[in-house]
Amino acid sequence: MTEESKRRLVEAGIDVDDALARLMQNEGLLSRLLSAFLQDGNFARLQEALAKGDVSGAFTAAHTLKGVAGNLSMRDLFARVSEVVECLRGGDLAAAAGKMPAVEEAYRKVVDALRAEG
């Protein structure tokens, strides 16, 4: 991983050193997992479920996205989506929806950085 790549990922809220530690310093595996994240549909499922008022579906998508973000050391995204998970755990759809702009911002930063990696 180049220093430029690492800088870009860190600026997007990804703790690259922590992610590499989880993966026994396997940069190739990290690159593959980060690329696979771009195909993950949980963010879209979360948005759709919130729009439909589906608390259960939104919770499942948010909880899964939280897990993926945590496992890939996407610190900012993990923190933001964790707040949504807690709102949904309590059944508060309106509060969860109110936190979505911050989730979307963190998600977009990650996606933009990953797409820049090619």
PDB file of N, CA and C in Angstrom:
ATOM      1  N   MET A   1       0.856  -1.173   0.000  1.00  0.00           N
ATOM      2  CA  MET A   1       0.000   0.000   0.000  1.00  0.00           C
ATOM      3  C   MET A   1       0.900   1.233   0.000  1.00  0.00           C
ATOM      4  N   THR A   2       0.622   2.135  -0.892  1.00  0.00           N
ATOM      5  CA  THR A   2       1.435   3.347  -0.957  1.00  0.00           C
ATOM      6  C   THR A   2       1.056   4.290   0.183  1.00  0.00           C
ATOM      7  N   GLU A   3       1.937   5.192   0.476  1.00  0.00           N
ATOM      8  CA  GLU A   3       1.644   6.198   1.510  1.00  0.00           C
ATOM      9  C   GLU A   3       0.451   7.056   1.099  1.00  0.00           C
ATOM     10  N   GLU A   4       0.342   7.355  -0.187  1.00  0.00           N
ATOM     11  CA  GLU A   4      -0.791   8.137  -0.690  1.00  0.00           C
ATOM     12  C   GLU A   4      -2.103   7.384  -0.466  1.00  0.00           C
ATOM     13  N   SER A   5      -2.108   6.097  -0.753  1.00  0.00           N
ATOM     14  CA  SER A   5      -3.308   5.283  -0.531  1.00  0.00           C
ATOM     15  C   SER A   5      -3.678   5.257   0.944  1.00  0.00           C
ATOM     16  N   LYS A   6      -2.693   5.030   1.776  1.00  0.00           N
ATOM     17  CA  LYS A   6      -2.940   4.983   3.212  1.00  0.00           C
ATOM     18  C   LYS A   6      -3.472   6.324   3.708  1.00  0.00           C
ATOM     19  N   ARG A   7      -2.885   7.417   3.259  1.00  0.00           N
ATOM     20  CA  ARG A   7      -3.335   8.751   3.662  1.00  0.00           C
ATOM     21  C   ARG A   7      -4.792   8.966   3.277  1.00  0.00           C
ATOM     22  N   ARG A   8      -5.134   8.588   2.057  1.00  0.00           N
ATOM     23  CA  ARG A   8      -6.501   8.765   1.564  1.00  0.00           C
ATOM     24  C   ARG A   8      -7.488   7.968   2.428  1.00  0.00           C
ATOM     25  N   LEU A   9      -7.131   6.746   2.758  1.00  0.00           N
ATOM     26  CA  LEU A   9      -8.012   5.909   3.573  1.00  0.00           C
ATOM     27  C   LEU A   9      -8.146   6.445   4.992  1.00  0.00           C
ATOM     28  N   VAL A  10      -7.036   6.898   5.554  1.00  0.00           N
ATOM     29  CA  VAL A  10      -7.066   7.474   6.907  1.00  0.00           C
ATOM     30  C   VAL A  10      -7.949   8.720   6.924  1.00  0.00           C
ATOM     31  N   GLU A  11      -7.826   9.554   5.904  1.00  0.00           N
ATOM     32  CA  GLU A  11      -8.658  10.762   5.832  1.00  0.00           C
ATOM     33  C   GLU A  11     -10.141  10.431   5.710  1.00  0.00           C
ATOM     34  N   ALA A  12     -10.442   9.246   5.202  1.00  0.00           N
ATOM     35  CA  ALA A  12     -11.836   8.809   5.077  1.00  0.00           C
ATOM     36  C   ALA A  12     -12.352   8.152   6.355  1.00  0.00           C
ATOM     37  N   GLY A  13     -11.517   8.122   7.395  1.00  0.00           N
ATOM     38  CA  GLY A  13     -11.957   7.571   8.675  1.00  0.00           C
ATOM     39  C   GLY A  13     -11.633   6.104   8.874  1.00  0.00           C
ATOM     40  N   ILE A  14     -10.722   5.570   8.069  1.00  0.00           N
ATOM     41  CA  ILE A  14     -10.336   4.165   8.192  1.00  0.00           C
ATOM     42  C   ILE A  14      -9.007   4.081   8.935  1.00  0.00           C
ATOM     43  N   ASP A  15      -8.978   3.317  10.004  1.00  0.00           N
ATOM     44  CA  ASP A  15      -7.747   3.104  10.768  1.00  0.00           C
ATOM     45  C   ASP A  15      -6.991   1.957  10.097  1.00  0.00           C
ATOM     46  N   VAL A  16      -6.166   2.318   9.130  1.00  0.00           N
ATOM     47  CA  VAL A  16      -5.476   1.325   8.307  1.00  0.00           C
ATOM     48  C   VAL A  16      -4.572   0.436   9.151  1.00  0.00           C
ATOM     49  N   ASP A  17      -3.854   1.017  10.093  1.00  0.00           N
ATOM     50  CA  ASP A  17      -2.958   0.215  10.933  1.00  0.00           C
ATOM     51  C   ASP A  17      -3.735  -0.829  11.725  1.00  0.00           C
ATOM     52  N   ASP A  18      -4.880  -0.446  12.271  1.00  0.00           N
ATOM     53  CA  ASP A  18      -5.713  -1.388  13.015  1.00  0.00           C
ATOM     54  C   ASP A  18      -6.257  -2.475  12.091  1.00  0.00           C
ATOM     55  N   ALA A  19      -6.709  -2.084  10.914  1.00  0.00           N
ATOM     56  CA  ALA A  19      -7.233  -3.065   9.961  1.00  0.00           C
ATOM     57  C   ALA A  19      -6.153  -4.067   9.577  1.00  0.00           C
ATOM     58  N   LEU A  20      -4.953  -3.572   9.330  1.00  0.00           N
ATOM     59  CA  LEU A  20      -3.851  -4.471   8.977  1.00  0.00           C
ATOM     60  C   LEU A  20      -3.487  -5.390  10.139  1.00  0.00           C
ATOM     61  N   ALA A  21      -3.548  -4.873  11.353  1.00  0.00           N
ATOM     62  CA  ALA A  21      -3.265  -5.709  12.523  1.00  0.00           C
ATOM     63  C   ALA A  21      -4.282  -6.844  12.627  1.00  0.00           C
ATOM     64  N   ARG A  22      -5.541  -6.551  12.342  1.00  0.00           N
ATOM     65  CA  ARG A  22      -6.591  -7.578  12.369  1.00  0.00           C
ATOM     66  C   ARG A  22      -6.325  -8.664  11.326  1.00  0.00           C
ATOM     67  N   LEU A  23      -5.669  -8.265  10.240  1.00  0.00           N
ATOM     68  CA  LEU A  23      -5.450  -9.172   9.110  1.00  0.00           C
ATOM     69  C   LEU A  23      -4.009  -9.656   9.029  1.00  0.00           C
ATOM     70  N   MET A  24      -3.312  -9.613  10.138  1.00  0.00           N
ATOM     71  CA  MET A  24      -1.920 -10.068  10.224  1.00  0.00           C
ATOM     72  C   MET A  24      -1.043  -9.412   9.153  1.00  0.00           C
ATOM     73  N   GLN A  25      -1.256  -8.109   8.969  1.00  0.00           N
ATOM     74  CA  GLN A  25      -0.468  -7.280   8.046  1.00  0.00           C
ATOM     75  C   GLN A  25      -0.613  -7.695   6.579  1.00  0.00           C
ATOM     76  N   ASN A  26      -1.677  -8.372   6.240  1.00  0.00           N
ATOM     77  CA  ASN A  26      -1.898  -8.835   4.870  1.00  0.00           C
ATOM     78  C   ASN A  26      -2.572  -7.724   4.059  1.00  0.00           C
ATOM     79  N   GLU A  27      -1.759  -6.909   3.385  1.00  0.00           N
ATOM     80  CA  GLU A  27      -2.282  -5.780   2.615  1.00  0.00           C
ATOM     81  C   GLU A  27      -3.164  -6.228   1.456  1.00  0.00           C
ATOM     82  N   GLY A  28      -2.817  -7.341   0.837  1.00  0.00           N
ATOM     83  CA  GLY A  28      -3.625  -7.851  -0.270  1.00  0.00           C
ATOM     84  C   GLY A  28      -5.032  -8.202   0.180  1.00  0.00           C
ATOM     85  N   LEU A  29      -5.127  -8.846   1.331  1.00  0.00           N
ATOM     86  CA  LEU A  29      -6.439  -9.197   1.870  1.00  0.00           C
ATOM     87  C   LEU A  29      -7.224  -7.943   2.222  1.00  0.00           C
ATOM     88  N   LEU A  30      -6.570  -6.980   2.836  1.00  0.00           N
ATOM     89  CA  LEU A  30      -7.256  -5.731   3.162  1.00  0.00           C
ATOM     90  C   LEU A  30      -7.776  -5.065   1.894  1.00  0.00           C
ATOM     91  N   SER A  31      -6.970  -5.022   0.868  1.00  0.00           N
ATOM     92  CA  SER A  31      -7.401  -4.412  -0.398  1.00  0.00           C
ATOM     93  C   SER A  31      -8.619  -5.130  -0.965  1.00  0.00           C
ATOM     94  N   ARG A  32      -8.613  -6.450  -0.919  1.00  0.00           N
ATOM     95  CA  ARG A  32      -9.758  -7.218  -1.427  1.00  0.00           C
ATOM     96  C   ARG A  32     -11.016  -6.966  -0.592  1.00  0.00           C
ATOM     97  N   LEU A  33     -10.856  -6.919   0.718  1.00  0.00           N
ATOM     98  CA  LEU A  33     -12.013  -6.677   1.585  1.00  0.00           C
ATOM     99  C   LEU A  33     -12.571  -5.269   1.401  1.00  0.00           C
ATOM    100  N   LEU A  34     -11.686  -4.301   1.253  1.00  0.00           N
ATOM    101  CA  LEU A  34     -12.148  -2.931   1.025  1.00  0.00           C
ATOM    102  C   LEU A  34     -12.852  -2.817  -0.323  1.00  0.00           C
ATOM    103  N   SER A  35     -12.335  -3.500  -1.326  1.00  0.00           N
ATOM    104  CA  SER A  35     -13.000  -3.504  -2.638  1.00  0.00           C
ATOM    105  C   SER A  35     -14.370  -4.161  -2.543  1.00  0.00           C
ATOM    106  N   ALA A  36     -14.461  -5.240  -1.785  1.00  0.00           N
ATOM    107  CA  ALA A  36     -15.737  -5.935  -1.615  1.00  0.00           C
ATOM    108  C   ALA A  36     -16.758  -5.047  -0.906  1.00  0.00           C
ATOM    109  N   PHE A  37     -16.289  -4.149  -0.048  1.00  0.00           N
ATOM    110  CA  PHE A  37     -17.196  -3.246   0.659  1.00  0.00           C
ATOM    111  C   PHE A  37     -18.017  -2.421  -0.328  1.00  0.00           C
ATOM    112  N   LEU A  38     -17.418  -2.082  -1.458  1.00  0.00           N
ATOM    113  CA  LEU A  38     -18.133  -1.291  -2.458  1.00  0.00           C
ATOM    114  C   LEU A  38     -19.352  -2.031  -3.003  1.00  0.00           C
ATOM    115  N   GLN A  39     -19.355  -3.348  -2.898  1.00  0.00           N
ATOM    116  CA  GLN A  39     -20.479  -4.157  -3.376  1.00  0.00           C
ATOM    117  C   GLN A  39     -21.512  -4.434  -2.281  1.00  0.00           C
ATOM    118  N   ASP A  40     -21.192  -4.069  -1.050  1.00  0.00           N
ATOM    119  CA  ASP A  40     -22.087  -4.329   0.075  1.00  0.00           C
ATOM    120  C   ASP A  40     -23.338  -3.466  -0.053  1.00  0.00           C
ATOM    121  N   GLY A  41     -24.493  -4.076   0.056  1.00  0.00           N
ATOM    122  CA  GLY A  41     -25.742  -3.351  -0.138  1.00  0.00           C
ATOM    123  C   GLY A  41     -26.436  -2.894   1.126  1.00  0.00           C
ATOM    124  N   ASN A  42     -25.796  -3.003   2.269  1.00  0.00           N
ATOM    125  CA  ASN A  42     -26.491  -2.691   3.518  1.00  0.00           C
ATOM    126  C   ASN A  42     -26.811  -1.217   3.700  1.00  0.00           C
ATOM    127  N   PHE A  43     -25.990  -0.330   3.178  1.00  0.00           N
ATOM    128  CA  PHE A  43     -26.312   1.092   3.288  1.00  0.00           C
ATOM    129  C   PHE A  43     -27.597   1.392   2.517  1.00  0.00           C
ATOM    130  N   ALA A  44     -27.697   0.885   1.297  1.00  0.00           N
ATOM    131  CA  ALA A  44     -28.908   1.094   0.494  1.00  0.00           C
ATOM    132  C   ALA A  44     -30.116   0.437   1.155  1.00  0.00           C
ATOM    133  N   ARG A  45     -29.926  -0.771   1.696  1.00  0.00           N
ATOM    134  CA  ARG A  45     -31.033  -1.444   2.392  1.00  0.00           C
ATOM    135  C   ARG A  45     -31.489  -0.639   3.607  1.00  0.00           C
ATOM    136  N   LEU A  46     -30.550  -0.045   4.313  1.00  0.00           N
ATOM    137  CA  LEU A  46     -30.890   0.790   5.466  1.00  0.00           C
ATOM    138  C   LEU A  46     -31.728   1.984   5.031  1.00  0.00           C
ATOM    139  N   GLN A  47     -31.288   2.658   3.982  1.00  0.00           N
ATOM    140  CA  GLN A  47     -32.046   3.812   3.486  1.00  0.00           C
ATOM    141  C   GLN A  47     -33.459   3.405   3.064  1.00  0.00           C
ATOM    142  N   GLU A  48     -33.560   2.302   2.328  1.00  0.00           N
ATOM    143  CA  GLU A  48     -34.869   1.829   1.854  1.00  0.00           C
ATOM    144  C   GLU A  48     -35.788   1.470   3.017  1.00  0.00           C
ATOM    145  N   ALA A  49     -35.252   0.769   3.992  1.00  0.00           N
ATOM    146  CA  ALA A  49     -36.068   0.360   5.136  1.00  0.00           C
ATOM    147  C   ALA A  49     -36.547   1.572   5.931  1.00  0.00           C
ATOM    148  N   LEU A  50     -35.671   2.550   6.106  1.00  0.00           N
ATOM    149  CA  LEU A  50     -36.086   3.765   6.815  1.00  0.00           C
ATOM    150  C   LEU A  50     -37.187   4.483   6.050  1.00  0.00           C
ATOM    151  N   ALA A  51     -37.041   4.559   4.732  1.00  0.00           N
ATOM    152  CA  ALA A  51     -38.050   5.234   3.910  1.00  0.00           C
ATOM    153  C   ALA A  51     -39.406   4.535   3.993  1.00  0.00           C
ATOM    154  N   LYS A  52     -39.398   3.219   4.169  1.00  0.00           N
ATOM    155  CA  LYS A  52     -40.635   2.435   4.268  1.00  0.00           C
ATOM    156  C   LYS A  52     -41.186   2.376   5.688  1.00  0.00           C
ATOM    157  N   GLY A  53     -40.404   2.870   6.656  1.00  0.00           N
ATOM    158  CA  GLY A  53     -40.839   2.774   8.043  1.00  0.00           C
ATOM    159  C   GLY A  53     -40.663   1.381   8.623  1.00  0.00           C
ATOM    160  N   ASP A  54     -39.768   0.610   8.045  1.00  0.00           N
ATOM    161  CA  ASP A  54     -39.516  -0.777   8.447  1.00  0.00           C
ATOM    162  C   ASP A  54     -38.403  -0.816   9.499  1.00  0.00           C
ATOM    163  N   VAL A  55     -38.783  -0.767  10.767  1.00  0.00           N
ATOM    164  CA  VAL A  55     -37.803  -0.735  11.856  1.00  0.00           C
ATOM    165  C   VAL A  55     -36.952  -2.000  11.864  1.00  0.00           C
ATOM    166  N   SER A  56     -37.571  -3.147  11.699  1.00  0.00           N
ATOM    167  CA  SER A  56     -36.833  -4.408  11.736  1.00  0.00           C
ATOM    168  C   SER A  56     -35.818  -4.501  10.593  1.00  0.00           C
ATOM    169  N   GLY A  57     -36.247  -4.175   9.396  1.00  0.00           N
ATOM    170  CA  GLY A  57     -35.343  -4.204   8.244  1.00  0.00           C
ATOM    171  C   GLY A  57     -34.225  -3.194   8.380  1.00  0.00           C
ATOM    172  N   ALA A  58     -34.564  -2.018   8.889  1.00  0.00           N
ATOM    173  CA  ALA A  58     -33.550  -0.978   9.091  1.00  0.00           C
ATOM    174  C   ALA A  58     -32.545  -1.422  10.145  1.00  0.00           C
ATOM    175  N   PHE A  59     -33.040  -2.029  11.213  1.00  0.00           N
ATOM    176  CA  PHE A  59     -32.137  -2.502  12.262  1.00  0.00           C
ATOM    177  C   PHE A  59     -31.175  -3.553  11.717  1.00  0.00           C
ATOM    178  N   THR A  60     -31.697  -4.510  10.968  1.00  0.00           N
ATOM    179  CA  THR A  60     -30.848  -5.569  10.413  1.00  0.00           C
ATOM    180  C   THR A  60     -29.773  -4.982   9.509  1.00  0.00           C
ATOM    181  N   ALA A  61     -30.155  -4.087   8.613  1.00  0.00           N
ATOM    182  CA  ALA A  61     -29.189  -3.479   7.693  1.00  0.00           C
ATOM    183  C   ALA A  61     -28.173  -2.629   8.446  1.00  0.00           C
ATOM    184  N   ALA A  62     -28.636  -1.841   9.410  1.00  0.00           N
ATOM    185  CA  ALA A  62     -27.732  -0.980  10.177  1.00  0.00           C
ATOM    186  C   ALA A  62     -26.767  -1.814  11.011  1.00  0.00           C
ATOM    187  N   HIS A  63     -27.273  -2.848  11.641  1.00  0.00           N
ATOM    188  CA  HIS A  63     -26.429  -3.696  12.481  1.00  0.00           C
ATOM    189  C   HIS A  63     -25.369  -4.409  11.642  1.00  0.00           C
ATOM    190  N   THR A  64     -25.757  -4.874  10.471  1.00  0.00           N
ATOM    191  CA  THR A  64     -24.804  -5.533   9.577  1.00  0.00           C
ATOM    192  C   THR A  64     -23.760  -4.544   9.082  1.00  0.00           C
ATOM    193  N   LEU A  65     -24.191  -3.352   8.686  1.00  0.00           N
ATOM    194  CA  LEU A  65     -23.257  -2.318   8.236  1.00  0.00           C
ATOM    195  C   LEU A  65     -22.298  -1.944   9.360  1.00  0.00           C
ATOM    196  N   LYS A  66     -22.809  -1.858  10.563  1.00  0.00           N
ATOM    197  CA  LYS A  66     -21.962  -1.571  11.724  1.00  0.00           C
ATOM    198  C   LYS A  66     -20.885  -2.642  11.878  1.00  0.00           C
ATOM    199  N   GLY A  67     -21.272  -3.903  11.751  1.00  0.00           N
ATOM    200  CA  GLY A  67     -20.312  -4.997  11.876  1.00  0.00           C
ATOM    201  C   GLY A  67     -19.240  -4.958  10.809  1.00  0.00           C
ATOM    202  N   VAL A  68     -19.645  -4.720   9.579  1.00  0.00           N
ATOM    203  CA  VAL A  68     -18.676  -4.637   8.475  1.00  0.00           C
ATOM    204  C   VAL A  68     -17.729  -3.465   8.703  1.00  0.00           C
ATOM    205  N   ALA A  69     -18.289  -2.313   9.058  1.00  0.00           N
ATOM    206  CA  ALA A  69     -17.459  -1.126   9.300  1.00  0.00           C
ATOM    207  C   ALA A  69     -16.486  -1.371  10.449  1.00  0.00           C
ATOM    208  N   GLY A  70     -16.947  -2.024  11.489  1.00  0.00           N
ATOM    209  CA  GLY A  70     -16.069  -2.320  12.618  1.00  0.00           C
ATOM    210  C   GLY A  70     -14.952  -3.272  12.245  1.00  0.00           C
ATOM    211  N   ASN A  71     -15.290  -4.316  11.511  1.00  0.00           N
ATOM    212  CA  ASN A  71     -14.280  -5.296  11.114  1.00  0.00           C
ATOM    213  C   ASN A  71     -13.238  -4.715  10.171  1.00  0.00           C
ATOM    214  N   LEU A  72     -13.618  -3.702   9.400  1.00  0.00           N
ATOM    215  CA  LEU A  72     -12.681  -3.065   8.472  1.00  0.00           C
ATOM    216  C   LEU A  72     -12.079  -1.784   9.051  1.00  0.00           C
ATOM    217  N   SER A  73     -12.297  -1.555  10.337  1.00  0.00           N
ATOM    218  CA  SER A  73     -11.724  -0.401  11.051  1.00  0.00           C
ATOM    219  C   SER A  73     -12.123   0.931  10.429  1.00  0.00           C
ATOM    220  N   MET A  74     -13.356   0.995   9.954  1.00  0.00           N
ATOM    221  CA  MET A  74     -13.916   2.239   9.418  1.00  0.00           C
ATOM    222  C   MET A  74     -14.501   2.997  10.603  1.00  0.00           C
ATOM    223  N   ARG A  75     -13.620   3.656  11.344  1.00  0.00           N
ATOM    224  CA  ARG A  75     -13.977   4.228  12.644  1.00  0.00           C
ATOM    225  C   ARG A  75     -15.131   5.221  12.580  1.00  0.00           C
ATOM    226  N   ASP A  76     -15.063   6.171  11.658  1.00  0.00           N
ATOM    227  CA  ASP A  76     -16.110   7.194  11.594  1.00  0.00           C
ATOM    228  C   ASP A  76     -17.459   6.579  11.222  1.00  0.00           C
ATOM    229  N   LEU A  77     -17.463   5.746  10.201  1.00  0.00           N
ATOM    230  CA  LEU A  77     -18.709   5.104   9.787  1.00  0.00           C
ATOM    231  C   LEU A  77     -19.253   4.227  10.911  1.00  0.00           C
ATOM    232  N   PHE A  78     -18.390   3.469  11.550  1.00  0.00           N
ATOM    233  CA  PHE A  78     -18.807   2.616  12.661  1.00  0.00           C
ATOM    234  C   PHE A  78     -19.484   3.441  13.763  1.00  0.00           C
ATOM    235  N   ALA A  79     -18.873   4.551  14.131  1.00  0.00           N
ATOM    236  CA  ALA A  79     -19.433   5.383  15.201  1.00  0.00           C
ATOM    237  C   ALA A  79     -20.798   5.944  14.821  1.00  0.00           C
ATOM    238  N   ARG A  80     -20.923   6.420  13.594  1.00  0.00           N
ATOM    239  CA  ARG A  80     -22.192   7.027  13.168  1.00  0.00           C
ATOM    240  C   ARG A  80     -23.306   5.987  13.058  1.00  0.00           C
ATOM    241  N   VAL A  81     -22.997   4.853  12.445  1.00  0.00           N
ATOM    242  CA  VAL A  81     -24.042   3.844  12.268  1.00  0.00           C
ATOM    243  C   VAL A  81     -24.385   3.178  13.601  1.00  0.00           C
ATOM    244  N   SER A  82     -23.458   3.159  14.545  1.00  0.00           N
ATOM    245  CA  SER A  82     -23.754   2.628  15.883  1.00  0.00           C
ATOM    246  C   SER A  82     -24.865   3.430  16.546  1.00  0.00           C
ATOM    247  N   GLU A  83     -24.867   4.727  16.333  1.00  0.00           N
ATOM    248  CA  GLU A  83     -25.923   5.578  16.892  1.00  0.00           C
ATOM    249  C   GLU A  83     -27.278   5.219  16.292  1.00  0.00           C
ATOM    250  N   VAL A  84     -27.292   4.950  15.000  1.00  0.00           N
ATOM    251  CA  VAL A  84     -28.534   4.556  14.332  1.00  0.00           C
ATOM    252  C   VAL A  84     -29.018   3.212  14.872  1.00  0.00           C
ATOM    253  N   VAL A  85     -28.100   2.284  15.052  1.00  0.00           N
ATOM    254  CA  VAL A  85     -28.459   0.967  15.591  1.00  0.00           C
ATOM    255  C   VAL A  85     -29.130   1.120  16.954  1.00  0.00           C
ATOM    256  N   GLU A  86     -28.568   1.953  17.804  1.00  0.00           N
ATOM    257  CA  GLU A  86     -29.150   2.128  19.142  1.00  0.00           C
ATOM    258  C   GLU A  86     -30.539   2.744  19.071  1.00  0.00           C
ATOM    259  N   CYS A  87     -30.742   3.702  18.182  1.00  0.00           N
ATOM    260  CA  CYS A  87     -32.080   4.282  18.010  1.00  0.00           C
ATOM    261  C   CYS A  87     -33.073   3.210  17.568  1.00  0.00           C
ATOM    262  N   LEU A  88     -32.650   2.407  16.602  1.00  0.00           N
ATOM    263  CA  LEU A  88     -33.537   1.371  16.078  1.00  0.00           C
ATOM    264  C   LEU A  88     -33.771   0.262  17.091  1.00  0.00           C
ATOM    265  N   ARG A  89     -32.768  -0.040  17.886  1.00  0.00           N
ATOM    266  CA  ARG A  89     -32.933  -1.053  18.939  1.00  0.00           C
ATOM    267  C   ARG A  89     -34.066  -0.627  19.875  1.00  0.00           C
ATOM    268  N   GLY A  90     -34.183   0.682  20.090  1.00  0.00           N
ATOM    269  CA  GLY A  90     -35.257   1.208  20.920  1.00  0.00           C
ATOM    270  C   GLY A  90     -36.535   1.486  20.149  1.00  0.00           C
ATOM    271  N   GLY A  91     -36.548   1.176  18.852  1.00  0.00           N
ATOM    272  CA  GLY A  91     -37.746   1.372  18.041  1.00  0.00           C
ATOM    273  C   GLY A  91     -37.984   2.794  17.597  1.00  0.00           C
ATOM    274  N   ASP A  92     -36.992   3.667  17.745  1.00  0.00           N
ATOM    275  CA  ASP A  92     -37.163   5.084  17.419  1.00  0.00           C
ATOM    276  C   ASP A  92     -36.711   5.367  15.987  1.00  0.00           C
ATOM    277  N   LEU A  93     -37.627   5.155  15.064  1.00  0.00           N
ATOM    278  CA  LEU A  93     -37.346   5.336  13.647  1.00  0.00           C
ATOM    279  C   LEU A  93     -37.014   6.788  13.317  1.00  0.00           C
ATOM    280  N   ALA A  94     -37.727   7.724  13.923  1.00  0.00           N
ATOM    281  CA  ALA A  94     -37.494   9.145  13.640  1.00  0.00           C
ATOM    282  C   ALA A  94     -36.097   9.574  14.073  1.00  0.00           C
ATOM    283  N   ALA A  95     -35.666   9.139  15.239  1.00  0.00           N
ATOM    284  CA  ALA A  95     -34.321   9.490  15.709  1.00  0.00           C
ATOM    285  C   ALA A  95     -33.261   8.865  14.812  1.00  0.00           C
ATOM    286  N   ALA A  96     -33.500   7.627  14.394  1.00  0.00           N
ATOM    287  CA  ALA A  96     -32.556   6.955  13.493  1.00  0.00           C
ATOM    288  C   ALA A  96     -32.449   7.720  12.184  1.00  0.00           C
ATOM    289  N   ALA A  97     -33.586   8.105  11.637  1.00  0.00           N
ATOM    290  CA  ALA A  97     -33.588   8.861  10.380  1.00  0.00           C
ATOM    291  C   ALA A  97     -32.872  10.195  10.546  1.00  0.00           C
ATOM    292  N   GLY A  98     -33.007  10.801  11.708  1.00  0.00           N
ATOM    293  CA  GLY A  98     -32.340  12.071  11.971  1.00  0.00           C
ATOM    294  C   GLY A  98     -30.828  11.963  12.012  1.00  0.00           C
ATOM    295  N   LYS A  99     -30.333  10.773  12.284  1.00  0.00           N
ATOM    296  CA  LYS A  99     -28.880  10.556  12.338  1.00  0.00           C
ATOM    297  C   LYS A  99     -28.303  10.129  10.986  1.00  0.00           C
ATOM    298  N   MET A 100     -29.156   9.878  10.018  1.00  0.00           N
ATOM    299  CA  MET A 100     -28.689   9.380   8.732  1.00  0.00           C
ATOM    300  C   MET A 100     -27.808  10.351   7.940  1.00  0.00           C
ATOM    301  N   PRO A 101     -27.999  11.664   8.023  1.00  0.00           N
ATOM    302  CA  PRO A 101     -27.073  12.532   7.281  1.00  0.00           C
ATOM    303  C   PRO A 101     -25.611  12.328   7.697  1.00  0.00           C
ATOM    304  N   ALA A 102     -25.361  12.122   8.974  1.00  0.00           N
ATOM    305  CA  ALA A 102     -23.987  11.879   9.438  1.00  0.00           C
ATOM    306  C   ALA A 102     -23.486  10.519   8.964  1.00  0.00           C
ATOM    307  N   VAL A 103     -24.376   9.524   8.949  1.00  0.00           N
ATOM    308  CA  VAL A 103     -24.007   8.197   8.443  1.00  0.00           C
ATOM    309  C   VAL A 103     -23.672   8.303   6.960  1.00  0.00           C
ATOM    310  N   GLU A 104     -24.519   8.991   6.222  1.00  0.00           N
ATOM    311  CA  GLU A 104     -24.289   9.122   4.781  1.00  0.00           C
ATOM    312  C   GLU A 104     -22.982   9.844   4.490  1.00  0.00           C
ATOM    313  N   GLU A 105     -22.680  10.873   5.246  1.00  0.00           N
ATOM    314  CA  GLU A 105     -21.422  11.595   5.044  1.00  0.00           C
ATOM    315  C   GLU A 105     -20.221  10.673   5.280  1.00  0.00           C
ATOM    316  N   ALA A 106     -20.246   9.927   6.365  1.00  0.00           N
ATOM    317  CA  ALA A 106     -19.146   9.001   6.664  1.00  0.00           C
ATOM    318  C   ALA A 106     -19.060   7.906   5.606  1.00  0.00           C
ATOM    319  N   TYR A 107     -20.206   7.403   5.183  1.00  0.00           N
ATOM    320  CA  TYR A 107     -20.244   6.361   4.151  1.00  0.00           C
ATOM    321  C   TYR A 107     -19.671   6.883   2.839  1.00  0.00           C
ATOM    322  N   ARG A 108     -20.071   8.070   2.441  1.00  0.00           N
ATOM    323  CA  ARG A 108     -19.594   8.657   1.177  1.00  0.00           C
ATOM    324  C   ARG A 108     -18.084   8.885   1.209  1.00  0.00           C
ATOM    325  N   LYS A 109     -17.566   9.305   2.343  1.00  0.00           N
ATOM    326  CA  LYS A 109     -16.112   9.489   2.452  1.00  0.00           C
ATOM    327  C   LYS A 109     -15.380   8.175   2.210  1.00  0.00           C
ATOM    328  N   VAL A 110     -15.879   7.115   2.818  1.00  0.00           N
ATOM    329  CA  VAL A 110     -15.258   5.799   2.642  1.00  0.00           C
ATOM    330  C   VAL A 110     -15.358   5.365   1.182  1.00  0.00           C
ATOM    331  N   VAL A 111     -16.546   5.444   0.619  1.00  0.00           N
ATOM    332  CA  VAL A 111     -16.757   5.003  -0.763  1.00  0.00           C
ATOM    333  C   VAL A 111     -15.902   5.815  -1.731  1.00  0.00           C
ATOM    334  N   ASP A 112     -15.861   7.123  -1.545  1.00  0.00           N
ATOM    335  CA  ASP A 112     -15.047   7.966  -2.431  1.00  0.00           C
ATOM    336  C   ASP A 112     -13.574   7.588  -2.353  1.00  0.00           C
ATOM    337  N   ALA A 113     -13.086   7.340  -1.147  1.00  0.00           N
ATOM    338  CA  ALA A 113     -11.677   6.958  -0.979  1.00  0.00           C
ATOM    339  C   ALA A 113     -11.403   5.605  -1.625  1.00  0.00           C
ATOM    340  N   LEU A 114     -12.317   4.670  -1.461  1.00  0.00           N
ATOM    341  CA  LEU A 114     -12.123   3.342  -2.042  1.00  0.00           C
ATOM    342  C   LEU A 114     -12.185   3.384  -3.564  1.00  0.00           C
ATOM    343  N   ARG A 115     -13.080   4.179  -4.094  1.00  0.00           N
ATOM    344  CA  ARG A 115     -13.158   4.305  -5.558  1.00  0.00           C
ATOM    345  C   ARG A 115     -11.912   4.972  -6.123  1.00  0.00           C
ATOM    346  N   ALA A 116     -11.336   5.886  -5.376  1.00  0.00           N
ATOM    347  CA  ALA A 116     -10.103   6.544  -5.818  1.00  0.00           C
ATOM    348  C   ALA A 116      -8.946   5.553  -5.888  1.00  0.00           C
ATOM    349  N   GLU A 117      -9.056   4.481  -5.101  1.00  0.00           N
ATOM    350  CA  GLU A 117      -8.023   3.442  -5.115  1.00  0.00           C
ATOM    351  C   GLU A 117      -8.101   2.604  -6.388  1.00  0.00           C
ATOM    352  N   GLY A 118      -9.277   2.611  -7.020  1.00  0.00           N
ATOM    353  CA  GLY A 118      -9.439   1.851  -8.264  1.00  0.00           C
ATOM    354  C   GLY A 118      -9.773   0.477  -7.973  1.00  0.00           C
TER     355      GLY A 118
END
